[in-house]
Protein backbone atom coordinates (compact mmCIF):
# COMPACT_ATOMS: atom_id res chain seq x y z
CA MET A 1 0.00 0.00 0.00
CA GLU A 2 1.31 3.42 -0.93
CA VAL A 3 0.69 6.39 1.32
CA LYS A 4 0.73 9.94 -0.02
CA VAL A 5 0.70 12.87 2.36
CA HIS A 6 -0.88 16.05 1.02
CA ASN A 7 -0.90 19.50 2.62
CA PHE A 8 -3.62 20.30 5.15
CA LYS A 9 -3.12 17.01 7.08
CA ILE A 10 -4.62 14.88 4.31
CA ILE A 11 -3.38 11.36 3.63
CA GLU A 12 -4.18 9.30 0.55
CA PHE A 13 -4.07 5.51 0.64
CA ILE A 14 -3.37 3.82 -2.68
CA SER A 15 -3.35 0.06 -3.13
CA ASN A 16 -3.91 -2.67 -5.68
CA GLU A 17 -6.20 -4.43 -3.24
CA ILE A 18 -9.22 -3.72 -1.09
CA ILE A 19 -8.15 -2.01 2.12
CA LEU A 20 -11.57 -1.05 3.50
CA ASN A 21 -13.50 -4.25 4.20
CA ASN A 22 -15.25 -3.30 7.44
CA PRO A 23 -15.79 -0.31 9.72
CA GLN A 24 -12.77 -1.20 11.87
CA ASP A 25 -10.54 -0.85 8.80
CA LEU A 26 -11.45 2.84 8.67
CA LEU A 27 -10.23 3.28 12.24
CA ASP A 28 -7.04 1.39 11.41
CA LEU A 29 -6.47 3.70 8.43
CA MET A 30 -7.07 6.70 10.68
CA THR A 31 -4.44 5.39 13.09
CA LEU A 32 -1.98 5.11 10.19
CA ALA A 33 -2.91 8.63 9.08
CA GLY A 34 -2.35 9.90 12.61
CA GLU A 35 1.17 8.50 12.52
CA LYS A 36 1.78 10.88 9.59
CA ASP A 37 0.09 13.74 11.51
CA ALA A 38 -2.86 13.65 9.13
CA ASN A 39 -6.52 13.76 10.16
CA LYS A 40 -8.23 13.47 6.78
CA ILE A 41 -8.27 10.44 4.49
CA ILE A 42 -8.57 9.92 0.74
CA LEU A 43 -9.55 6.46 -0.51
CA HIS A 44 -10.13 5.17 -4.02
CA GLU A 45 -13.31 3.36 -5.00
CA ASN A 46 -11.38 0.26 -6.07
CA ASN A 47 -9.86 0.01 -2.56
CA ILE A 48 -13.27 -0.24 -0.92
CA ASN A 49 -15.26 -3.46 -0.65
CA PRO A 50 -18.04 -3.28 -3.29
CA ASP A 51 -20.62 -3.94 -0.55
CA PHE A 52 -20.06 -0.33 0.51
CA PHE A 53 -21.79 0.83 -2.66
CA GLU A 54 -24.73 -1.58 -2.17
CA LEU A 55 -26.55 0.44 0.48
CA LYS A 56 -28.86 -2.42 1.43
CA THR A 57 -25.86 -4.20 3.02
CA GLY A 58 -25.55 -1.45 5.63
CA PHE A 59 -21.78 -1.39 5.21
CA ALA A 60 -21.66 2.23 3.99
CA GLY A 61 -23.86 3.33 6.85
CA GLU A 62 -21.59 1.67 9.40
CA VAL A 63 -18.42 3.12 7.87
CA LEU A 64 -19.83 6.61 7.50
CA GLN A 65 -21.20 6.52 11.05
CA LYS A 66 -17.69 5.64 12.30
CA ALA A 67 -16.37 8.61 10.32
CA VAL A 68 -18.89 10.88 12.05
CA ASN A 69 -18.27 9.39 15.52
CA TYR A 70 -14.49 9.80 15.24
CA ASN A 71 -14.61 13.05 13.25
CA ILE A 72 -12.80 11.45 10.31
CA LYS A 73 -13.03 13.53 7.15
CA LEU A 74 -13.12 11.23 4.15
CA GLY A 75 -12.78 11.78 0.41
CA ILE A 76 -13.70 8.87 -1.84
CA ILE A 77 -12.41 9.02 -5.41
CA GLY A 78 -14.21 7.18 -8.18
CA ASP A 79 -16.37 7.36 -11.26
CA PHE A 80 -19.70 8.10 -9.62
CA ASN A 81 -21.34 9.23 -12.86
CA LYS A 82 -21.98 5.54 -13.60
CA VAL A 83 -24.09 5.09 -10.45
CA THR A 84 -27.60 3.89 -11.30
CA SER A 85 -28.95 3.29 -7.78
CA LYS A 86 -31.23 6.18 -6.78
CA SER A 87 -30.44 5.68 -3.10
CA LEU A 88 -26.67 5.73 -3.72
CA LYS A 89 -27.03 8.82 -5.92
CA SER A 90 -28.95 10.49 -3.09
CA LEU A 91 -26.27 9.55 -0.56
CA ILE A 92 -23.57 10.99 -2.83
CA VAL A 93 -25.45 14.27 -3.34
CA GLU A 94 -26.25 14.60 0.35
CA SER A 95 -22.68 13.79 1.39
CA ASN A 96 -21.20 16.23 -1.09
CA ASN A 97 -23.38 18.99 0.38
CA GLY A 98 -22.02 18.27 3.87
CA ASN A 99 -18.56 18.56 5.40
CA GLN A 100 -17.78 15.05 6.62
CA PHE A 101 -17.27 12.90 3.51
CA PHE A 102 -17.18 13.52 -0.21
CA PHE A 103 -17.48 11.46 -3.37
CA VAL A 104 -15.30 13.03 -6.05
CA SER A 105 -13.68 12.13 -9.34
CA ASN A 106 -9.99 12.82 -8.68
CA THR A 107 -7.33 13.51 -6.07
CA ILE A 108 -7.16 17.24 -6.77
CA GLU A 109 -10.88 17.61 -6.11
CA ALA A 110 -10.62 15.47 -2.95
CA VAL A 111 -7.76 17.57 -1.57
CA GLU A 112 -9.60 20.82 -2.39
CA ARG A 113 -12.76 19.65 -0.61
CA LEU A 114 -10.92 18.21 2.41
CA LYS A 115 -8.69 21.22 2.98
CA LYS A 116 -11.81 23.34 3.50
CA VAL A 117 -13.16 21.21 6.36
């Protein structure tokens, strides 16, 4: 797993494998980010278990609730234009209007959004 540290205490995790399989993994990633003095995380869609994007599994809800509980700011990078699920589209729109987690298309956009929160 590669770790990139951006300005504004933002850390980006890059991997060829899934690194977010359960809510505890988010806390583990936050611990790793804290070791780099970062308090905001960027993840890529392909590093997140696909169940996250199937809202009926409850996985996204659990992960995002952990983010709220531990004040973890989270940017998720992916191609969200391809989303067909109305409930997932609604979650993305609602999240992007907030200040806790964002669904964006690239690292630059993720850093810009996270540095403002």
